[in-house]
N, C-alpha and C. Protein backbone atom coordinates (compact mmCIF):
# COMPACT_ATOMS: atom_id res chain seq x y z
N UNK A 1 4.33 -6.30 32.12
CA UNK A 1 4.66 -7.69 31.99
C UNK A 1 3.38 -8.46 31.69
N UNK A 2 3.47 -9.58 31.01
CA UNK A 2 2.27 -10.36 30.70
C UNK A 2 1.73 -11.07 31.95
N UNK A 3 0.45 -11.30 31.98
CA UNK A 3 -0.18 -11.97 33.10
C UNK A 3 0.41 -13.36 33.34
N UNK A 4 0.89 -14.01 32.31
CA UNK A 4 1.45 -15.35 32.45
C UNK A 4 2.71 -15.38 33.32
N UNK A 5 3.33 -14.24 33.56
CA UNK A 5 4.54 -14.17 34.39
C UNK A 5 4.23 -14.00 35.88
N UNK A 6 2.97 -13.76 36.23
CA UNK A 6 2.58 -13.55 37.62
C UNK A 6 2.44 -14.91 38.31
N UNK A 7 3.02 -15.03 39.50
CA UNK A 7 2.99 -16.30 40.22
C UNK A 7 1.66 -16.51 40.93
N UNK A 8 1.37 -17.76 41.24
CA UNK A 8 0.13 -18.10 41.94
C UNK A 8 0.07 -17.39 43.29
N UNK A 9 -1.09 -16.86 43.62
CA UNK A 9 -1.29 -16.17 44.88
C UNK A 9 -0.98 -14.68 44.84
N UNK A 10 -0.33 -14.23 43.77
CA UNK A 10 0.03 -12.81 43.65
C UNK A 10 -1.12 -12.01 43.06
N UNK A 11 -1.16 -10.73 43.39
CA UNK A 11 -2.16 -9.81 42.85
C UNK A 11 -1.49 -8.89 41.84
N UNK A 12 -2.27 -8.44 40.88
CA UNK A 12 -1.76 -7.54 39.85
C UNK A 12 -2.89 -6.64 39.38
N UNK A 13 -2.51 -5.51 38.78
CA UNK A 13 -3.47 -4.58 38.20
C UNK A 13 -3.40 -4.71 36.68
N UNK A 14 -4.56 -4.93 36.05
CA UNK A 14 -4.60 -5.04 34.60
C UNK A 14 -4.37 -3.66 34.00
N UNK A 15 -3.39 -3.54 33.12
CA UNK A 15 -3.07 -2.26 32.51
C UNK A 15 -3.56 -2.16 31.07
N UNK A 16 -3.42 -3.22 30.29
CA UNK A 16 -3.89 -3.16 28.89
C UNK A 16 -4.08 -4.57 28.35
N UNK A 17 -4.83 -4.65 27.26
CA UNK A 17 -5.04 -5.90 26.56
C UNK A 17 -4.53 -5.70 25.14
N UNK A 18 -3.56 -6.51 24.76
CA UNK A 18 -2.94 -6.40 23.45
C UNK A 18 -3.63 -7.36 22.49
N UNK A 19 -4.70 -6.89 21.90
CA UNK A 19 -5.45 -7.73 20.98
C UNK A 19 -6.51 -6.92 20.27
N UNK A 20 -7.25 -7.59 19.44
CA UNK A 20 -8.29 -6.94 18.67
C UNK A 20 -9.55 -6.67 19.48
N UNK A 21 -10.52 -6.09 18.81
CA UNK A 21 -11.78 -5.71 19.45
C UNK A 21 -12.51 -6.93 20.00
N UNK A 22 -12.46 -8.05 19.30
CA UNK A 22 -13.15 -9.25 19.76
C UNK A 22 -12.55 -9.76 21.08
N UNK A 23 -11.24 -9.82 21.18
CA UNK A 23 -10.59 -10.27 22.41
C UNK A 23 -10.88 -9.30 23.55
N UNK A 24 -10.75 -8.00 23.30
CA UNK A 24 -11.02 -7.01 24.35
C UNK A 24 -12.47 -7.09 24.82
N UNK A 25 -13.40 -7.30 23.88
CA UNK A 25 -14.81 -7.41 24.23
C UNK A 25 -15.10 -8.65 25.05
N UNK A 26 -14.50 -9.77 24.68
CA UNK A 26 -14.71 -11.02 25.41
C UNK A 26 -14.19 -10.89 26.85
N UNK A 27 -12.99 -10.31 27.00
CA UNK A 27 -12.42 -10.15 28.33
C UNK A 27 -13.19 -9.12 29.15
N UNK A 28 -13.68 -8.07 28.51
CA UNK A 28 -14.49 -7.07 29.22
C UNK A 28 -15.77 -7.71 29.75
N UNK A 29 -16.37 -8.60 28.98
CA UNK A 29 -17.59 -9.28 29.41
C UNK A 29 -17.32 -10.15 30.64
N UNK A 30 -16.08 -10.58 30.81
CA UNK A 30 -15.70 -11.38 31.98
C UNK A 30 -15.29 -10.51 33.17
N UNK A 31 -15.26 -9.20 32.97
CA UNK A 31 -14.88 -8.29 34.04
C UNK A 31 -13.42 -7.88 34.02
N UNK A 32 -12.71 -8.26 32.99
CA UNK A 32 -11.29 -7.93 32.88
C UNK A 32 -11.14 -6.63 32.09
N UNK A 33 -11.11 -5.53 32.82
CA UNK A 33 -10.99 -4.20 32.24
C UNK A 33 -9.74 -3.52 32.78
N UNK A 34 -9.14 -2.59 32.03
CA UNK A 34 -7.98 -1.85 32.56
C UNK A 34 -8.30 -1.20 33.90
N UNK A 35 -7.35 -1.35 34.83
CA UNK A 35 -7.51 -0.80 36.17
C UNK A 35 -8.06 -1.80 37.17
N UNK A 36 -8.50 -2.96 36.71
CA UNK A 36 -9.06 -3.98 37.58
C UNK A 36 -7.96 -4.75 38.29
N UNK A 37 -8.16 -4.97 39.60
CA UNK A 37 -7.22 -5.80 40.36
C UNK A 37 -7.64 -7.26 40.21
N UNK A 38 -6.66 -8.12 40.01
CA UNK A 38 -6.95 -9.54 39.91
C UNK A 38 -5.92 -10.33 40.69
N UNK A 39 -6.30 -11.54 41.07
CA UNK A 39 -5.40 -12.44 41.79
C UNK A 39 -5.24 -13.71 40.99
N UNK A 40 -4.00 -14.15 40.83
CA UNK A 40 -3.74 -15.38 40.09
C UNK A 40 -3.98 -16.57 41.02
N UNK A 41 -4.91 -17.42 40.65
CA UNK A 41 -5.26 -18.61 41.44
C UNK A 41 -4.45 -19.81 40.97
N UNK A 42 -4.34 -19.97 39.65
CA UNK A 42 -3.61 -21.11 39.10
C UNK A 42 -2.77 -20.67 37.91
N UNK A 43 -1.48 -20.95 37.99
CA UNK A 43 -0.55 -20.69 36.89
C UNK A 43 0.54 -21.74 36.99
N UNK A 44 0.25 -22.92 36.49
CA UNK A 44 1.18 -24.04 36.62
C UNK A 44 2.20 -24.10 35.48
N UNK A 45 2.13 -23.17 34.54
CA UNK A 45 3.05 -23.17 33.41
C UNK A 45 2.50 -23.88 32.19
N UNK A 46 1.41 -24.61 32.36
CA UNK A 46 0.72 -25.26 31.25
C UNK A 46 -0.74 -25.44 31.65
N UNK A 47 -1.60 -25.65 30.69
CA UNK A 47 -3.01 -25.82 30.99
C UNK A 47 -3.71 -24.50 31.23
N UNK A 48 -4.92 -24.56 31.78
CA UNK A 48 -5.71 -23.34 31.95
C UNK A 48 -5.10 -22.38 32.97
N UNK A 49 -5.48 -21.14 32.83
CA UNK A 49 -5.00 -20.05 33.70
C UNK A 49 -6.22 -19.55 34.46
N UNK A 50 -6.16 -19.55 35.79
CA UNK A 50 -7.32 -19.17 36.61
C UNK A 50 -7.00 -17.90 37.38
N UNK A 51 -7.89 -16.90 37.28
CA UNK A 51 -7.73 -15.65 38.02
C UNK A 51 -9.02 -15.35 38.78
N UNK A 52 -8.88 -14.63 39.89
CA UNK A 52 -10.04 -14.16 40.64
C UNK A 52 -10.20 -12.68 40.36
N UNK A 53 -11.42 -12.28 39.98
CA UNK A 53 -11.74 -10.90 39.68
C UNK A 53 -13.07 -10.56 40.34
N UNK A 54 -13.06 -9.59 41.23
CA UNK A 54 -14.29 -9.12 41.88
C UNK A 54 -15.10 -10.27 42.48
N UNK A 55 -14.42 -11.20 43.15
CA UNK A 55 -15.11 -12.29 43.82
C UNK A 55 -15.46 -13.47 42.95
N UNK A 56 -15.14 -13.44 41.66
CA UNK A 56 -15.42 -14.54 40.75
C UNK A 56 -14.12 -15.14 40.23
N UNK A 57 -14.14 -16.43 39.98
CA UNK A 57 -12.98 -17.09 39.36
C UNK A 57 -13.24 -17.24 37.88
N UNK A 58 -12.23 -16.90 37.11
CA UNK A 58 -12.35 -16.93 35.65
C UNK A 58 -11.22 -17.79 35.10
N UNK A 59 -11.57 -18.69 34.19
CA UNK A 59 -10.59 -19.54 33.53
C UNK A 59 -10.40 -19.02 32.11
N UNK A 60 -9.14 -18.72 31.77
CA UNK A 60 -8.83 -18.27 30.41
C UNK A 60 -7.67 -19.09 29.88
N UNK A 61 -7.53 -19.12 28.59
CA UNK A 61 -6.43 -19.83 27.97
C UNK A 61 -5.11 -19.08 28.14
N UNK A 62 -4.03 -19.81 28.01
CA UNK A 62 -2.71 -19.20 28.16
C UNK A 62 -2.45 -18.17 27.07
N UNK A 63 -2.98 -18.38 25.87
CA UNK A 63 -2.82 -17.41 24.79
C UNK A 63 -3.45 -16.07 25.14
N UNK A 64 -4.65 -16.12 25.70
CA UNK A 64 -5.31 -14.89 26.14
C UNK A 64 -4.53 -14.25 27.27
N UNK A 65 -4.10 -15.06 28.24
CA UNK A 65 -3.37 -14.52 29.39
C UNK A 65 -2.08 -13.84 28.96
N UNK A 66 -1.45 -14.34 27.91
CA UNK A 66 -0.18 -13.74 27.45
C UNK A 66 -0.40 -12.38 26.81
N UNK A 67 -1.64 -12.06 26.42
CA UNK A 67 -1.95 -10.76 25.80
C UNK A 67 -2.44 -9.72 26.80
N UNK A 68 -2.50 -10.11 28.08
CA UNK A 68 -2.95 -9.19 29.12
C UNK A 68 -1.72 -8.64 29.84
N UNK A 69 -1.54 -7.32 29.74
CA UNK A 69 -0.40 -6.67 30.40
C UNK A 69 -0.82 -6.20 31.79
N UNK A 70 0.00 -6.54 32.80
CA UNK A 70 -0.29 -6.18 34.19
C UNK A 70 0.94 -5.53 34.82
N UNK A 71 0.71 -4.96 36.00
CA UNK A 71 1.85 -4.47 36.78
C UNK A 71 1.65 -4.84 38.23
């Protein structure tokens, strides 16, 4: 399921990134790699998407979040 479907406060495991090399590289630089556990901090249905990864908060756009597959 896409990361955008995860509710605030829930945890998920990143399984894959559906995008090109540039998107995968940008997300990898932020610590978003397959197998990483993340927690959704903010998902209001519009605006920025905030996740916590390894003790850091990361803000990504909804378009990017929709390309991240989690379970």
